[in-house]
N, C-alpha and C. Protein backbone atom coordinates (compact mmCIF):
# COMPACT_ATOMS: atom_id res chain seq x y z
N MET A 1 -23.68 2.06 15.42
CA MET A 1 -22.30 1.73 15.09
C MET A 1 -22.03 0.24 15.27
N LYS A 2 -23.04 -0.58 15.12
CA LYS A 2 -22.85 -2.02 15.27
C LYS A 2 -21.72 -2.51 14.36
N ARG A 3 -20.87 -3.34 14.94
CA ARG A 3 -19.79 -4.02 14.23
C ARG A 3 -18.69 -3.09 13.71
N PHE A 4 -18.73 -1.84 14.02
CA PHE A 4 -17.65 -0.93 13.64
C PHE A 4 -16.84 -0.59 14.88
N LYS A 5 -15.53 -0.59 14.74
CA LYS A 5 -14.66 -0.36 15.89
C LYS A 5 -14.64 1.12 16.30
N SER A 6 -14.86 1.98 15.34
CA SER A 6 -14.80 3.41 15.65
C SER A 6 -15.74 4.18 14.73
N ALA A 7 -16.00 5.42 15.10
CA ALA A 7 -16.82 6.29 14.25
C ALA A 7 -16.11 6.58 12.94
N ARG A 8 -14.81 6.64 12.98
CA ARG A 8 -14.03 6.90 11.76
C ARG A 8 -14.19 5.75 10.76
N GLN A 9 -14.12 4.51 11.26
CA GLN A 9 -14.30 3.36 10.38
C GLN A 9 -15.71 3.35 9.78
N LEU A 10 -16.70 3.66 10.59
CA LEU A 10 -18.07 3.75 10.11
C LEU A 10 -18.20 4.82 9.02
N GLN A 11 -17.60 5.97 9.23
CA GLN A 11 -17.68 7.06 8.26
C GLN A 11 -17.01 6.68 6.94
N ARG A 12 -15.88 6.00 7.01
CA ARG A 12 -15.20 5.56 5.78
C ARG A 12 -16.09 4.59 5.00
N PHE A 13 -16.73 3.67 5.71
CA PHE A 13 -17.61 2.72 5.04
C PHE A 13 -18.80 3.42 4.40
N VAL A 14 -19.46 4.29 5.14
CA VAL A 14 -20.66 4.96 4.65
C VAL A 14 -20.32 5.87 3.46
N SER A 15 -19.18 6.52 3.49
CA SER A 15 -18.82 7.43 2.40
C SER A 15 -18.62 6.67 1.08
N VAL A 16 -18.26 5.40 1.16
CA VAL A 16 -18.11 4.58 -0.04
C VAL A 16 -19.42 3.87 -0.38
N HIS A 17 -20.12 3.40 0.63
CA HIS A 17 -21.32 2.59 0.42
C HIS A 17 -22.47 3.38 -0.20
N ASP A 18 -22.74 4.57 0.27
CA ASP A 18 -23.90 5.33 -0.19
C ASP A 18 -23.90 5.62 -1.69
N PRO A 19 -22.80 6.12 -2.26
CA PRO A 19 -22.85 6.36 -3.72
C PRO A 19 -23.07 5.09 -4.53
N ILE A 20 -22.50 3.97 -4.06
CA ILE A 20 -22.68 2.71 -4.77
C ILE A 20 -24.11 2.22 -4.61
N ALA A 21 -24.64 2.28 -3.41
CA ALA A 21 -26.02 1.84 -3.17
C ALA A 21 -27.00 2.68 -3.97
N ASN A 22 -26.77 3.97 -4.06
CA ASN A 22 -27.67 4.85 -4.81
C ASN A 22 -27.66 4.53 -6.30
N LEU A 23 -26.54 4.02 -6.79
CA LEU A 23 -26.45 3.66 -8.21
C LEU A 23 -27.44 2.55 -8.55
N PHE A 24 -27.70 1.66 -7.60
CA PHE A 24 -28.54 0.50 -7.86
C PHE A 24 -29.94 0.60 -7.28
N HIS A 25 -30.31 1.71 -6.67
CA HIS A 25 -31.64 1.84 -6.07
C HIS A 25 -32.60 2.53 -7.04
N PHE A 26 -33.68 1.83 -7.35
CA PHE A 26 -34.69 2.38 -8.25
C PHE A 26 -36.05 2.29 -7.57
N PRO A 27 -36.92 3.28 -7.78
CA PRO A 27 -38.27 3.23 -7.20
C PRO A 27 -39.11 2.18 -7.94
N ARG A 28 -39.21 1.00 -7.38
CA ARG A 28 -39.82 -0.15 -8.04
C ARG A 28 -41.29 0.06 -8.38
N ASN A 29 -42.03 0.82 -7.58
CA ASN A 29 -43.46 0.97 -7.82
C ASN A 29 -43.81 1.84 -9.01
N THR A 30 -42.84 2.55 -9.57
CA THR A 30 -43.13 3.42 -10.70
C THR A 30 -42.57 2.90 -12.02
N LEU A 31 -41.92 1.73 -12.00
CA LEU A 31 -41.27 1.21 -13.20
C LEU A 31 -41.89 -0.11 -13.64
N SER A 32 -41.92 -0.30 -14.94
CA SER A 32 -42.31 -1.60 -15.46
C SER A 32 -41.11 -2.54 -15.33
N SER A 33 -41.34 -3.82 -15.51
CA SER A 33 -40.25 -4.80 -15.43
C SER A 33 -39.17 -4.52 -16.48
N ALA A 34 -39.59 -4.17 -17.67
CA ALA A 34 -38.64 -3.89 -18.75
C ALA A 34 -37.78 -2.67 -18.42
N GLN A 35 -38.41 -1.63 -17.89
CA GLN A 35 -37.66 -0.42 -17.50
C GLN A 35 -36.68 -0.75 -16.37
N HIS A 36 -37.11 -1.56 -15.42
CA HIS A 36 -36.25 -1.93 -14.30
C HIS A 36 -35.04 -2.72 -14.80
N ARG A 37 -35.25 -3.66 -15.71
CA ARG A 37 -34.13 -4.43 -16.28
C ARG A 37 -33.16 -3.52 -17.02
N ASP A 38 -33.70 -2.57 -17.79
CA ASP A 38 -32.84 -1.63 -18.53
C ASP A 38 -32.00 -0.79 -17.58
N LEU A 39 -32.62 -0.29 -16.51
CA LEU A 39 -31.88 0.52 -15.55
C LEU A 39 -30.82 -0.31 -14.81
N ARG A 40 -31.15 -1.56 -14.46
CA ARG A 40 -30.18 -2.43 -13.79
C ARG A 40 -28.99 -2.71 -14.72
N ASN A 41 -29.27 -2.96 -15.99
CA ASN A 41 -28.19 -3.20 -16.95
C ASN A 41 -27.30 -1.96 -17.09
N ALA A 42 -27.92 -0.80 -17.16
CA ALA A 42 -27.14 0.44 -17.26
C ALA A 42 -26.30 0.65 -16.01
N ALA A 43 -26.88 0.39 -14.84
CA ALA A 43 -26.13 0.54 -13.59
C ALA A 43 -24.97 -0.44 -13.54
N MET A 44 -25.17 -1.67 -14.00
CA MET A 44 -24.07 -2.64 -14.00
C MET A 44 -22.97 -2.23 -14.96
N GLN A 45 -23.32 -1.65 -16.10
CA GLN A 45 -22.30 -1.17 -17.03
C GLN A 45 -21.48 -0.04 -16.41
N ILE A 46 -22.15 0.87 -15.72
CA ILE A 46 -21.45 1.96 -15.04
C ILE A 46 -20.56 1.40 -13.95
N TRP A 47 -21.09 0.45 -13.16
CA TRP A 47 -20.30 -0.15 -12.08
C TRP A 47 -19.07 -0.86 -12.64
N ASN A 48 -19.23 -1.60 -13.74
CA ASN A 48 -18.09 -2.30 -14.35
C ASN A 48 -17.03 -1.31 -14.82
N LYS A 49 -17.46 -0.17 -15.34
CA LYS A 49 -16.51 0.86 -15.77
C LYS A 49 -15.78 1.45 -14.55
N ILE A 50 -16.52 1.73 -13.48
CA ILE A 50 -15.92 2.28 -12.27
C ILE A 50 -14.95 1.28 -11.65
N ALA A 51 -15.35 0.02 -11.59
CA ALA A 51 -14.54 -1.01 -10.93
C ALA A 51 -13.46 -1.58 -11.85
N CYS A 52 -13.43 -1.12 -13.11
CA CYS A 52 -12.44 -1.60 -14.08
C CYS A 52 -12.53 -3.12 -14.26
N VAL A 53 -13.76 -3.61 -14.41
CA VAL A 53 -13.99 -5.03 -14.60
C VAL A 53 -14.23 -5.26 -16.09
N ALA A 54 -13.53 -6.25 -16.64
CA ALA A 54 -13.72 -6.59 -18.05
C ALA A 54 -15.04 -7.34 -18.21
N ALA A 55 -15.75 -7.05 -19.30
CA ALA A 55 -17.01 -7.73 -19.56
C ALA A 55 -16.74 -9.20 -19.87
N ALA A 56 -17.58 -10.04 -19.30
CA ALA A 56 -17.39 -11.49 -19.50
C ALA A 56 -18.11 -11.96 -20.73
């Protein structure tokens, strides 16, 4: 619980962090560079839609 004031604060952070972190985690040893770039681009498009960010 480093840097968290309470277990509740930690739980709130983890409940938001894990789904976002999982969106961007790919098994690097099984993907080619091109596949990794494609997956990262797809993840960023999904994240932009979730975060309501306009494409630049």
